[in-house]
């Protein structure tokens, strides 16, 4: 199968590229390397350094004529989306539509879309949230992810283009950047390994649903062959607070460093947790890596990467 993975030099995308290549697929990576790292790139994949919102990206996709578009390129910083919603929309909405139009014109057979199980739901009414939970995004980033799903629904209705929108919980694991708010696991590990004092925002009791990157990759593999069209939560259904994440990471590193509490971030969701029963039903998928094991693996990778 010929597959384009956008954001394929990034944290999640690069792991998916590796897995697709291991299974014999022809993989093309679209990445402008603004946040992606060349060190993450699999040499067996073909890199196209393009801006997905520019015509050049569309032209390249039309020339490649992939069967599958696995879309992970994004502006993913919630705080930046609030500060600059125009930039967020340019990348996450206009960039995506640019690729969908090119795919429609070149025989694309399927889209796998990286959505967000936390951002599209906003403040939840029920825990864990199933896919039919009301969507009330509390940030431009969440709005852009929901917009991507709605555009996919339109392209499916109008042009019979099948899609799977994977609503990720909080993904963590090797290669995650320590920059920005999206990677609390990476941020804590980076600070601890550099002898710095990690900062916990607020009381640390805010919860998230943490899913290991290998499990997310497995969902992207399953989605290649699935007939299901629509949104699917990819998470564990378990809430874990920030204090527990910090305790686990400190234990994994054998560190005695404590954390400091800073002010709570204005508007931060207090709780987030998603129901993944649909994933089990339609993808045969379930998270397999326990949190403690995933954090241990991630800590081991970070220790090795910083020592090189």
Protein backbone atom coordinates (compact mmCIF):
# COMPACT_ATOMS: atom_id res chain seq x y z
CA UNK A 1 0.00 0.00 0.00
CA UNK A 2 1.23 3.52 -0.80
CA UNK A 3 0.76 5.78 2.23
CA UNK A 4 1.45 9.45 2.94
CA UNK A 5 2.06 10.17 6.62
CA UNK A 6 1.95 13.89 7.36
CA UNK A 7 3.95 14.92 10.42
CA UNK A 8 6.00 11.77 9.91
CA UNK A 9 9.10 13.28 11.51
CA UNK A 10 7.18 14.07 14.68
CA UNK A 11 6.62 12.12 17.87
CA UNK A 12 3.60 9.97 16.99
CA UNK A 13 3.94 10.13 13.22
CA UNK A 14 7.49 8.78 13.14
CA UNK A 15 6.48 5.69 15.14
CA UNK A 16 3.62 5.08 12.70
CA UNK A 17 6.00 5.44 9.74
CA UNK A 18 8.29 2.80 11.26
CA UNK A 19 5.38 0.39 11.75
CA UNK A 20 4.00 0.87 8.23
CA UNK A 21 7.43 0.30 6.72
CA UNK A 22 7.93 -2.84 8.81
CA UNK A 23 4.75 -4.19 7.24
CA UNK A 24 6.00 -3.60 3.71
CA UNK A 25 4.11 -0.44 2.81
CA UNK A 26 5.58 2.35 0.68
CA UNK A 27 5.67 5.40 2.92
CA UNK A 28 6.02 9.06 2.00
CA UNK A 29 6.49 11.62 4.78
CA UNK A 30 5.18 15.18 4.53
CA UNK A 31 6.83 17.37 7.18
CA UNK A 32 8.04 20.97 7.21
CA UNK A 33 10.42 20.07 10.08
CA UNK A 34 9.22 23.06 12.13
CA UNK A 35 8.73 20.73 15.09
CA UNK A 36 9.56 17.33 13.60
CA UNK A 37 13.10 16.03 13.95
CA UNK A 38 15.26 14.54 11.20
CA UNK A 39 16.59 12.12 13.83
CA UNK A 40 13.11 10.59 13.97
CA UNK A 41 12.97 9.94 10.22
CA UNK A 42 13.14 6.39 9.00
CA UNK A 43 15.63 6.30 6.10
CA UNK A 44 13.35 3.89 4.21
CA UNK A 45 10.66 6.55 3.96
CA UNK A 46 10.72 9.30 1.34
CA UNK A 47 10.73 12.77 2.93
CA UNK A 48 8.92 15.65 1.24
CA UNK A 49 9.69 18.85 3.13
CA UNK A 50 6.49 20.77 2.46
CA UNK A 51 4.08 23.14 4.18
CA UNK A 52 0.72 21.36 4.06
CA UNK A 53 -1.16 24.65 3.62
CA UNK A 54 0.76 25.51 0.43
CA UNK A 55 -0.07 24.44 -3.10
CA UNK A 56 3.22 22.54 -3.32
CA UNK A 57 1.99 19.99 -0.79
CA UNK A 58 -1.18 19.40 -2.80
CA UNK A 59 0.79 19.03 -6.00
CA UNK A 60 3.17 16.55 -4.40
CA UNK A 61 0.30 14.45 -3.06
CA UNK A 62 -1.37 14.45 -6.49
CA UNK A 63 1.90 13.23 -8.02
CA UNK A 64 2.39 10.45 -5.45
CA UNK A 65 -1.25 9.27 -5.70
CA UNK A 66 -1.32 7.50 -2.33
CA UNK A 67 -4.04 5.05 -1.38
CA UNK A 68 -4.03 6.25 2.24
CA UNK A 69 -3.45 9.62 3.88
CA UNK A 70 -2.49 9.26 7.57
CA UNK A 71 -2.73 12.84 8.80
CA UNK A 72 -0.70 13.77 11.87
CA UNK A 73 0.75 17.14 10.86
CA UNK A 74 -0.72 19.79 13.14
CA UNK A 75 -0.33 22.90 15.20
CA UNK A 76 -0.74 21.06 18.50
CA UNK A 77 -0.05 23.68 21.18
CA UNK A 78 -3.31 24.65 22.87
CA UNK A 79 -1.80 27.83 24.29
CA UNK A 80 -0.52 28.93 20.88
CA UNK A 81 -3.94 28.26 19.40
CA UNK A 82 -5.44 30.67 21.93
CA UNK A 83 -2.76 33.29 21.28
CA UNK A 84 -2.87 32.93 17.48
CA UNK A 85 -6.07 31.22 16.31
CA UNK A 86 -5.43 32.34 12.73
CA UNK A 87 -2.19 30.34 12.56
CA UNK A 88 -3.88 27.35 14.19
CA UNK A 89 -6.66 27.43 11.60
CA UNK A 90 -4.21 27.85 8.73
CA UNK A 91 -2.36 24.66 9.63
CA UNK A 92 -5.08 22.50 11.14
CA UNK A 93 -8.04 23.45 8.95
CA UNK A 94 -6.81 25.01 5.71
CA UNK A 95 -3.80 22.70 5.54
CA UNK A 96 -5.97 19.64 5.99
CA UNK A 97 -8.56 20.76 3.43
CA UNK A 98 -5.72 21.43 1.00
CA UNK A 99 -4.67 17.79 1.28
CA UNK A 100 -8.24 16.46 1.14
CA UNK A 101 -8.84 18.32 -2.11
CA UNK A 102 -5.63 16.92 -3.55
CA UNK A 103 -6.57 13.43 -2.40
CA UNK A 104 -10.05 13.71 -3.88
CA UNK A 105 -8.48 14.65 -7.21
CA UNK A 106 -5.90 11.85 -7.23
CA UNK A 107 -7.73 8.68 -6.24
CA UNK A 108 -7.22 8.65 -2.47
CA UNK A 109 -8.96 5.60 -0.96
CA UNK A 110 -8.89 6.38 2.78
CA UNK A 111 -7.97 8.99 5.40
CA UNK A 112 -6.78 8.24 8.92
CA UNK A 113 -7.01 11.44 10.94
CA UNK A 114 -5.33 12.20 14.28
CA UNK A 115 -8.01 13.93 16.33
CA UNK A 116 -8.11 14.69 20.05
CA UNK A 117 -10.19 12.88 22.64
CA UNK A 118 -9.66 15.63 25.18
CA UNK A 119 -9.85 18.79 23.11
CA UNK A 120 -12.99 18.02 21.08
CA UNK A 121 -15.11 17.15 24.13
CA UNK A 122 -14.03 20.07 26.32
CA UNK A 123 -15.27 19.91 29.90
CA UNK A 124 -16.89 16.50 30.16
CA UNK A 125 -20.32 15.74 31.55
CA UNK A 126 -19.67 12.01 31.90
CA UNK A 127 -16.53 9.96 32.60
CA UNK A 128 -15.20 8.32 30.59
CA UNK A 129 -16.59 10.13 27.52
CA UNK A 130 -17.87 8.00 24.65
CA UNK A 131 -17.89 9.19 21.05
CA UNK A 132 -21.48 10.44 21.31
CA UNK A 133 -20.58 12.81 24.15
CA UNK A 134 -21.39 16.41 23.29
CA UNK A 135 -18.43 18.24 21.71
CA UNK A 136 -17.71 21.66 23.25
CA UNK A 137 -14.09 22.49 22.39
CA UNK A 138 -12.63 25.01 24.83
CA UNK A 139 -9.77 26.13 22.57
CA UNK A 140 -9.19 26.97 18.91
CA UNK A 141 -7.08 23.80 18.75
CA UNK A 142 -10.07 21.72 19.81
CA UNK A 143 -12.29 23.59 17.35
CA UNK A 144 -9.83 22.85 14.52
CA UNK A 145 -9.74 19.14 15.34
CA UNK A 146 -13.52 18.94 15.40
CA UNK A 147 -13.61 20.89 12.14
CA UNK A 148 -11.30 18.29 10.61
CA UNK A 149 -13.75 15.55 11.56
CA UNK A 150 -16.64 17.49 10.05
CA UNK A 151 -14.75 18.06 6.80
CA UNK A 152 -14.07 14.33 6.65
CA UNK A 153 -17.78 13.65 7.09
CA UNK A 154 -18.49 16.03 4.20
CA UNK A 155 -15.91 14.40 1.90
CA UNK A 156 -17.33 10.99 2.75
CA UNK A 157 -20.90 12.09 1.96
CA UNK A 158 -20.03 14.07 -1.16
CA UNK A 159 -17.24 11.97 -2.65
CA UNK A 160 -17.48 8.56 -0.89
CA UNK A 161 -14.05 9.01 0.69
CA UNK A 162 -13.82 6.67 3.71
CA UNK A 163 -12.16 7.91 6.88
CA UNK A 164 -11.30 7.00 10.43
CA UNK A 165 -10.86 9.83 12.94
CA UNK A 166 -8.85 8.57 15.90
CA UNK A 167 -9.57 10.69 18.97
CA UNK A 168 -6.39 10.26 20.98
CA UNK A 169 -6.14 10.53 24.72
CA UNK A 170 -2.86 11.99 26.10
CA UNK A 171 -0.19 10.15 24.15
CA UNK A 172 3.25 9.70 25.70
CA UNK A 173 6.41 7.73 24.98
CA UNK A 174 9.86 7.86 23.36
CA UNK A 175 10.56 10.80 21.00
CA UNK A 176 8.01 13.06 22.65
CA UNK A 177 9.23 16.65 22.78
CA UNK A 178 9.83 18.28 26.14
CA UNK A 179 8.84 21.62 24.61
CA UNK A 180 5.33 23.00 25.00
CA UNK A 181 2.43 21.94 27.16
CA UNK A 182 1.49 18.75 25.35
CA UNK A 183 4.18 16.55 26.90
CA UNK A 184 4.01 16.62 30.68
CA UNK A 185 5.74 13.22 30.82
CA UNK A 186 8.57 14.48 28.63
CA UNK A 187 8.76 17.79 30.49
CA UNK A 188 9.11 16.06 33.87
CA UNK A 189 11.69 13.58 32.58
CA UNK A 190 13.78 16.29 30.94
CA UNK A 191 13.81 18.35 34.14
CA UNK A 192 14.63 15.41 36.42
CA UNK A 193 17.44 14.15 34.20
CA UNK A 194 18.96 17.63 34.01
CA UNK A 195 18.82 18.09 37.77
CA UNK A 196 16.14 20.76 37.56
CA UNK A 197 13.05 21.05 39.75
CA UNK A 198 9.88 20.18 37.82
CA UNK A 199 6.95 22.56 38.11
CA UNK A 200 3.47 21.16 38.70
CA UNK A 201 0.71 23.53 37.68
CA UNK A 202 -1.86 24.05 40.42
CA UNK A 203 -2.49 21.27 42.92
CA UNK A 204 -1.57 18.48 40.49
CA UNK A 205 -4.91 16.74 40.93
CA UNK A 206 -6.01 17.43 37.35
CA UNK A 207 -6.46 14.13 35.54
CA UNK A 208 -5.84 12.85 32.04
CA UNK A 209 -6.14 9.55 30.21
CA UNK A 210 -2.58 8.53 29.28
CA UNK A 211 -2.01 6.12 26.39
CA UNK A 212 1.39 4.78 25.33
CA UNK A 213 2.56 5.56 21.80
CA UNK A 214 2.95 1.87 20.80
CA UNK A 215 -0.75 1.36 21.52
CA UNK A 216 -1.58 4.38 19.36
CA UNK A 217 0.53 2.90 16.55
CA UNK A 218 -1.44 -0.34 16.83
CA UNK A 219 -4.66 1.62 16.33
CA UNK A 220 -3.24 3.20 13.17
CA UNK A 221 -2.31 -0.23 11.85
CA UNK A 222 -5.77 -1.61 12.57
CA UNK A 223 -7.39 1.42 10.93
CA UNK A 224 -5.74 0.61 7.60
CA UNK A 225 -8.02 -2.37 7.06
CA UNK A 226 -11.10 -1.34 9.04
CA UNK A 227 -14.33 -0.64 7.17
CA UNK A 228 -15.71 1.60 9.93
CA UNK A 229 -16.27 5.25 9.00
CA UNK A 230 -16.41 7.81 11.81
CA UNK A 231 -14.79 8.76 15.10
CA UNK A 232 -13.06 6.33 17.45
CA UNK A 233 -11.64 7.07 20.90
CA UNK A 234 -8.11 5.76 21.49
CA UNK A 235 -7.45 5.75 25.22
CA UNK A 236 -7.47 3.64 28.36
CA UNK A 237 -10.61 4.81 30.15
CA UNK A 238 -8.49 5.42 33.26
CA UNK A 239 -7.88 8.81 34.88
CA UNK A 240 -4.43 9.55 36.30
CA UNK A 241 -3.51 12.79 38.01
CA UNK A 242 -0.30 14.75 37.51
CA UNK A 243 1.00 13.94 40.99
CA UNK A 244 0.88 10.22 40.23
CA UNK A 245 2.65 10.74 36.90
CA UNK A 246 5.42 12.60 38.71
CA UNK A 247 5.75 9.92 41.41
CA UNK A 248 6.00 7.16 38.79
CA UNK A 249 8.63 8.99 36.77
CA UNK A 250 10.72 9.82 39.82
CA UNK A 251 10.60 6.15 40.82
CA UNK A 252 11.52 5.00 37.31
CA UNK A 253 14.61 7.22 37.37
CA UNK A 254 15.52 6.49 40.99
CA UNK A 255 15.40 10.23 41.63
CA UNK A 256 14.82 11.96 44.96
CA UNK A 257 14.16 15.38 43.41
CA UNK A 258 10.92 16.98 44.51
CA UNK A 259 8.60 19.19 42.49
CA UNK A 260 7.41 22.73 43.02
CA UNK A 261 3.81 23.84 42.58
CA UNK A 262 3.19 26.81 40.32
CA UNK A 263 -0.05 28.63 39.59
CA UNK A 264 -2.82 26.73 37.85
CA UNK A 265 -3.16 27.43 34.14
CA UNK A 266 -6.25 29.52 33.43
CA UNK A 267 -8.95 27.53 31.67
CA UNK A 268 -7.23 24.16 32.03
CA UNK A 269 -9.57 21.18 31.97
CA UNK A 270 -9.83 19.57 35.40
CA UNK A 271 -10.60 16.06 34.20
CA UNK A 272 -10.33 14.22 30.91
CA UNK A 273 -10.91 10.53 30.24
CA UNK A 274 -12.31 8.69 27.20
CA UNK A 275 -14.23 5.47 26.63
CA UNK A 276 -12.52 3.18 24.10
CA UNK A 277 -15.15 0.44 23.81
CA UNK A 278 -15.90 1.38 20.19
CA UNK A 279 -12.23 0.80 19.33
CA UNK A 280 -12.50 -2.72 20.70
CA UNK A 281 -15.66 -3.37 18.69
CA UNK A 282 -14.64 -1.98 15.29
CA UNK A 283 -10.83 -2.18 15.35
CA UNK A 284 -10.27 -5.08 17.73
CA UNK A 285 -8.08 -2.61 19.60
CA UNK A 286 -7.35 -2.10 23.26
CA UNK A 287 -4.51 -0.46 25.15
CA UNK A 288 -2.01 -3.13 26.18
CA UNK A 289 0.82 -1.21 27.87
CA UNK A 290 0.13 -0.44 31.55
CA UNK A 291 0.95 3.10 32.62
CA UNK A 292 3.78 2.05 34.94
CA UNK A 293 5.44 0.02 32.18
CA UNK A 294 4.99 2.77 29.59
CA UNK A 295 6.49 5.37 31.89
CA UNK A 296 9.40 3.06 32.68
CA UNK A 297 10.12 2.55 28.97
CA UNK A 298 9.87 6.28 28.31
CA UNK A 299 12.20 7.11 31.21
CA UNK A 300 14.73 4.57 29.92
CA UNK A 301 14.62 6.11 26.43
CA UNK A 302 15.05 9.65 27.77
CA UNK A 303 17.97 8.66 29.98
CA UNK A 304 19.72 7.07 27.01
CA UNK A 305 18.97 9.94 24.61
CA UNK A 306 20.27 12.61 26.99
CA UNK A 307 23.44 10.63 27.68
CA UNK A 308 24.37 10.41 23.99
